[in-house]
Amino acid sequence: LLKQGRAKVFRRYPFTIILKDLEVGNCTTHNHQLKIDPGAKTQTLATRRKMRPP
């Protein structure tokens, strides 16, 4: 994406990019949670998708 010119570097640490060719109205968002994984031997983050009840 960077080489194609579709994104630019927003921050070097933590490395974050911004997509240049997407508009907010065309984006789809999902319900996710960012959690700390307590069972990991090192500091680990996990993403978790919130599921809808059936």
PDB file of N, CA and C in Angstrom:
ATOM      1  N   LEU A   1       0.818  -1.186   0.000  1.00  0.00           N
ATOM      2  CA  LEU A   1       0.000   0.000   0.000  1.00  0.00           C
ATOM      3  C   LEU A   1       0.865   1.255   0.000  1.00  0.00           C
ATOM      4  N   LEU A   2       1.971   1.221   0.751  1.00  0.00           N
ATOM      5  CA  LEU A   2       2.852   2.381   0.779  1.00  0.00           C
ATOM      6  C   LEU A   2       3.521   2.599  -0.571  1.00  0.00           C
ATOM      7  N   LYS A   3       4.017   1.534  -1.181  1.00  0.00           N
ATOM      8  CA  LYS A   3       4.682   1.654  -2.488  1.00  0.00           C
ATOM      9  C   LYS A   3       3.718   2.073  -3.582  1.00  0.00           C
ATOM     10  N   GLN A   4       2.459   1.661  -3.463  1.00  0.00           N
ATOM     11  CA  GLN A   4       1.447   2.010  -4.459  1.00  0.00           C
ATOM     12  C   GLN A   4       0.905   3.419  -4.251  1.00  0.00           C
ATOM     13  N   GLY A   5       1.254   4.077  -3.156  1.00  0.00           N
ATOM     14  CA  GLY A   5       0.766   5.417  -2.873  1.00  0.00           C
ATOM     15  C   GLY A   5      -0.634   5.448  -2.294  1.00  0.00           C
ATOM     16  N   ARG A   6      -1.144   4.300  -1.867  1.00  0.00           N
ATOM     17  CA  ARG A   6      -2.502   4.226  -1.315  1.00  0.00           C
ATOM     18  C   ARG A   6      -2.531   4.501   0.184  1.00  0.00           C
ATOM     19  N   ALA A   7      -1.358   4.577   0.834  1.00  0.00           N
ATOM     20  CA  ALA A   7      -1.289   4.816   2.273  1.00  0.00           C
ATOM     21  C   ALA A   7      -0.066   5.665   2.576  1.00  0.00           C
ATOM     22  N   LYS A   8      -0.087   6.297   3.751  1.00  0.00           N
ATOM     23  CA  LYS A   8       1.091   7.031   4.204  1.00  0.00           C
ATOM     24  C   LYS A   8       1.345   6.683   5.661  1.00  0.00           C
ATOM     25  N   VAL A   9       2.593   6.864   6.090  1.00  0.00           N
ATOM     26  CA  VAL A   9       2.967   6.542   7.462  1.00  0.00           C
ATOM     27  C   VAL A   9       2.432   7.635   8.376  1.00  0.00           C
ATOM     28  N   PHE A  10       1.659   7.235   9.363  1.00  0.00           N
ATOM     29  CA  PHE A  10       1.110   8.169  10.341  1.00  0.00           C
ATOM     30  C   PHE A  10       2.044   8.279  11.539  1.00  0.00           C
ATOM     31  N   ARG A  11       2.542   7.133  12.008  1.00  0.00           N
ATOM     32  CA  ARG A  11       3.418   7.087  13.168  1.00  0.00           C
ATOM     33  C   ARG A  11       4.410   5.955  12.958  1.00  0.00           C
ATOM     34  N   ARG A  12       5.661   6.177  13.357  1.00  0.00           N
ATOM     35  CA  ARG A  12       6.673   5.125  13.195  1.00  0.00           C
ATOM     36  C   ARG A  12       6.659   4.133  14.357  1.00  0.00           C
ATOM     37  N   TYR A  13       6.344   4.585  15.566  1.00  0.00           N
ATOM     38  CA  TYR A  13       6.265   3.664  16.700  1.00  0.00           C
ATOM     39  C   TYR A  13       5.059   4.015  17.539  1.00  0.00           C
ATOM     40  N   PRO A  14       4.113   3.163  17.748  1.00  0.00           N
ATOM     41  CA  PRO A  14       3.944   1.913  17.017  1.00  0.00           C
ATOM     42  C   PRO A  14       3.610   2.205  15.567  1.00  0.00           C
ATOM     43  N   PHE A  15       4.115   1.373  14.679  1.00  0.00           N
ATOM     44  CA  PHE A  15       3.972   1.620  13.247  1.00  0.00           C
ATOM     45  C   PHE A  15       2.502   1.642  12.865  1.00  0.00           C
ATOM     46  N   THR A  16       2.076   2.787  12.335  1.00  0.00           N
ATOM     47  CA  THR A  16       0.675   2.995  11.977  1.00  0.00           C
ATOM     48  C   THR A  16       0.615   3.663  10.619  1.00  0.00           C
ATOM     49  N   ILE A  17      -0.286   3.195   9.759  1.00  0.00           N
ATOM     50  CA  ILE A  17      -0.470   3.822   8.453  1.00  0.00           C
ATOM     51  C   ILE A  17      -1.885   4.375   8.343  1.00  0.00           C
ATOM     52  N   ILE A  18      -2.038   5.320   7.421  1.00  0.00           N
ATOM     53  CA  ILE A  18      -3.348   5.886   7.110  1.00  0.00           C
ATOM     54  C   ILE A  18      -3.633   5.588   5.652  1.00  0.00           C
ATOM     55  N   LEU A  19      -4.803   5.028   5.378  1.00  0.00           N
ATOM     56  CA  LEU A  19      -5.211   4.768   4.000  1.00  0.00           C
ATOM     57  C   LEU A  19      -5.713   6.064   3.387  1.00  0.00           C
ATOM     58  N   LYS A  20      -5.198   6.400   2.209  1.00  0.00           N
ATOM     59  CA  LYS A  20      -5.521   7.676   1.584  1.00  0.00           C
ATOM     60  C   LYS A  20      -6.712   7.601   0.645  1.00  0.00           C
ATOM     61  N   ASP A  21      -7.043   6.419   0.139  1.00  0.00           N
ATOM     62  CA  ASP A  21      -8.078   6.333  -0.888  1.00  0.00           C
ATOM     63  C   ASP A  21      -9.437   5.857  -0.367  1.00  0.00           C
ATOM     64  N   LEU A  22      -9.627   5.852   0.946  1.00  0.00           N
ATOM     65  CA  LEU A  22     -10.918   5.463   1.518  1.00  0.00           C
ATOM     66  C   LEU A  22     -11.612   6.681   2.113  1.00  0.00           C
ATOM     67  N   GLU A  23     -12.913   6.764   1.919  1.00  0.00           N
ATOM     68  CA  GLU A  23     -13.708   7.817   2.532  1.00  0.00           C
ATOM     69  C   GLU A  23     -14.501   7.223   3.681  1.00  0.00           C
ATOM     70  N   VAL A  24     -14.767   8.018   4.686  1.00  0.00           N
ATOM     71  CA  VAL A  24     -15.452   7.532   5.884  1.00  0.00           C
ATOM     72  C   VAL A  24     -16.818   6.945   5.536  1.00  0.00           C
ATOM     73  N   GLY A  25     -17.526   7.542   4.614  1.00  0.00           N
ATOM     74  CA  GLY A  25     -18.853   7.051   4.251  1.00  0.00           C
ATOM     75  C   GLY A  25     -18.842   5.692   3.580  1.00  0.00           C
ATOM     76  N   ASN A  26     -17.702   5.284   3.010  1.00  0.00           N
ATOM     77  CA  ASN A  26     -17.599   4.007   2.308  1.00  0.00           C
ATOM     78  C   ASN A  26     -17.009   2.899   3.178  1.00  0.00           C
ATOM     79  N   CYS A  27     -16.698   3.189   4.431  1.00  0.00           N
ATOM     80  CA  CYS A  27     -16.058   2.211   5.305  1.00  0.00           C
ATOM     81  C   CYS A  27     -17.101   1.401   6.073  1.00  0.00           C
ATOM     82  N   THR A  28     -16.775   0.154   6.309  1.00  0.00           N
ATOM     83  CA  THR A  28     -17.604  -0.715   7.131  1.00  0.00           C
ATOM     84  C   THR A  28     -16.886  -0.929   8.452  1.00  0.00           C
ATOM     85  N   THR A  29     -17.575  -0.714   9.553  1.00  0.00           N
ATOM     86  CA  THR A  29     -16.969  -0.938  10.858  1.00  0.00           C
ATOM     87  C   THR A  29     -17.600  -2.164  11.509  1.00  0.00           C
ATOM     88  N   HIS A  30     -16.838  -2.803  12.369  1.00  0.00           N
ATOM     89  CA  HIS A  30     -17.290  -3.992  13.080  1.00  0.00           C
ATOM     90  C   HIS A  30     -17.052  -3.775  14.566  1.00  0.00           C
ATOM     91  N   ASN A  31     -17.853  -4.403  15.386  1.00  0.00           N
ATOM     92  CA  ASN A  31     -17.677  -4.310  16.837  1.00  0.00           C
ATOM     93  C   ASN A  31     -16.565  -5.252  17.268  1.00  0.00           C
ATOM     94  N   HIS A  32     -15.436  -4.682  17.686  1.00  0.00           N
ATOM     95  CA  HIS A  32     -14.306  -5.450  18.184  1.00  0.00           C
ATOM     96  C   HIS A  32     -13.871  -4.875  19.521  1.00  0.00           C
ATOM     97  N   GLN A  33     -13.248  -5.707  20.324  1.00  0.00           N
ATOM     98  CA  GLN A  33     -12.671  -5.282  21.588  1.00  0.00           C
ATOM     99  C   GLN A  33     -11.185  -5.574  21.543  1.00  0.00           C
ATOM    100  N   LEU A  34     -10.378  -4.693  22.123  1.00  0.00           N
ATOM    101  CA  LEU A  34      -8.948  -4.917  22.268  1.00  0.00           C
ATOM    102  C   LEU A  34      -8.715  -5.301  23.716  1.00  0.00           C
ATOM    103  N   LYS A  35      -8.190  -6.499  23.937  1.00  0.00           N
ATOM    104  CA  LYS A  35      -8.044  -7.034  25.286  1.00  0.00           C
ATOM    105  C   LYS A  35      -6.598  -7.442  25.535  1.00  0.00           C
ATOM    106  N   ILE A  36      -6.204  -7.451  26.802  1.00  0.00           N
ATOM    107  CA  ILE A  36      -4.906  -7.971  27.213  1.00  0.00           C
ATOM    108  C   ILE A  36      -5.072  -9.460  27.451  1.00  0.00           C
ATOM    109  N   ASP A  37      -4.126 -10.261  26.937  1.00  0.00           N
ATOM    110  CA  ASP A  37      -4.186 -11.714  27.086  1.00  0.00           C
ATOM    111  C   ASP A  37      -3.465 -12.103  28.378  1.00  0.00           C
ATOM    112  N   PRO A  38      -4.193 -12.411  29.463  1.00  0.00           N
ATOM    113  CA  PRO A  38      -3.548 -12.699  30.743  1.00  0.00           C
ATOM    114  C   PRO A  38      -2.811 -14.036  30.768  1.00  0.00           C
ATOM    115  N   GLY A  39      -3.094 -14.939  29.861  1.00  0.00           N
ATOM    116  CA  GLY A  39      -2.451 -16.246  29.861  1.00  0.00           C
ATOM    117  C   GLY A  39      -1.143 -16.285  29.085  1.00  0.00           C
ATOM    118  N   ALA A  40      -0.773 -15.188  28.458  1.00  0.00           N
ATOM    119  CA  ALA A  40       0.445 -15.173  27.649  1.00  0.00           C
ATOM    120  C   ALA A  40       1.673 -14.992  28.537  1.00  0.00           C
ATOM    121  N   LYS A  41       2.815 -15.514  28.079  1.00  0.00           N
ATOM    122  CA  LYS A  41       4.063 -15.381  28.829  1.00  0.00           C
ATOM    123  C   LYS A  41       4.678 -13.999  28.632  1.00  0.00           C
ATOM    124  N   THR A  42       4.361 -13.332  27.548  1.00  0.00           N
ATOM    125  CA  THR A  42       4.806 -11.964  27.302  1.00  0.00           C
ATOM    126  C   THR A  42       3.568 -11.086  27.171  1.00  0.00           C
ATOM    127  N   GLN A  43       3.769  -9.784  27.191  1.00  0.00           N
ATOM    128  CA  GLN A  43       2.617  -8.891  27.036  1.00  0.00           C
ATOM    129  C   GLN A  43       2.024  -9.082  25.654  1.00  0.00           C
ATOM    130  N   THR A  44       0.775  -9.440  25.615  1.00  0.00           N
ATOM    131  CA  THR A  44       0.108  -9.730  24.356  1.00  0.00           C
ATOM    132  C   THR A  44      -1.263  -9.083  24.352  1.00  0.00           C
ATOM    133  N   LEU A  45      -1.622  -8.511  23.208  1.00  0.00           N
ATOM    134  CA  LEU A  45      -2.958  -7.966  23.023  1.00  0.00           C
ATOM    135  C   LEU A  45      -3.718  -8.869  22.073  1.00  0.00           C
ATOM    136  N   ALA A  46      -4.995  -8.986  22.295  1.00  0.00           N
ATOM    137  CA  ALA A  46      -5.840  -9.805  21.438  1.00  0.00           C
ATOM    138  C   ALA A  46      -7.060  -8.992  21.036  1.00  0.00           C
ATOM    139  N   THR A  47      -7.507  -9.183  19.803  1.00  0.00           N
ATOM    140  CA  THR A  47      -8.757  -8.556  19.385  1.00  0.00           C
ATOM    141  C   THR A  47      -9.854  -9.593  19.481  1.00  0.00           C
ATOM    142  N   ARG A  48     -11.006  -9.132  19.879  1.00  0.00           N
ATOM    143  CA  ARG A  48     -12.145 -10.029  20.057  1.00  0.00           C
ATOM    144  C   ARG A  48     -13.348  -9.395  19.392  1.00  0.00           C
ATOM    145  N   ARG A  49     -14.027 -10.168  18.595  1.00  0.00           N
ATOM    146  CA  ARG A  49     -15.213  -9.674  17.913  1.00  0.00           C
ATOM    147  C   ARG A  49     -16.426  -9.897  18.795  1.00  0.00           C
ATOM    148  N   LYS A  50     -17.201  -8.842  18.984  1.00  0.00           N
ATOM    149  CA  LYS A  50     -18.436  -8.966  19.758  1.00  0.00           C
ATOM    150  C   LYS A  50     -19.462  -9.665  18.893  1.00  0.00           C
ATOM    151  N   MET A  51     -19.958 -10.790  19.374  1.00  0.00           N
ATOM    152  CA  MET A  51     -20.939 -11.563  18.616  1.00  0.00           C
ATOM    153  C   MET A  51     -22.344 -11.108  18.980  1.00  0.00           C
ATOM    154  N   ARG A  52     -23.201 -11.083  17.977  1.00  0.00           N
ATOM    155  CA  ARG A  52     -24.606 -10.759  18.211  1.00  0.00           C
ATOM    156  C   ARG A  52     -25.330 -11.993  18.718  1.00  0.00           C
ATOM    157  N   PRO A  53     -26.284 -11.808  19.629  1.00  0.00           N
ATOM    158  CA  PRO A  53     -27.062 -12.974  20.063  1.00  0.00           C
ATOM    159  C   PRO A  53     -27.893 -13.517  18.909  1.00  0.00           C
ATOM    160  N   PRO A  54     -28.089 -14.843  18.844  1.00  0.00           N
ATOM    161  CA  PRO A  54     -28.844 -15.428  17.719  1.00  0.00           C
ATOM    162  C   PRO A  54     -30.304 -15.039  17.707  1.00  0.00           C
TER     163      PRO A  54
END
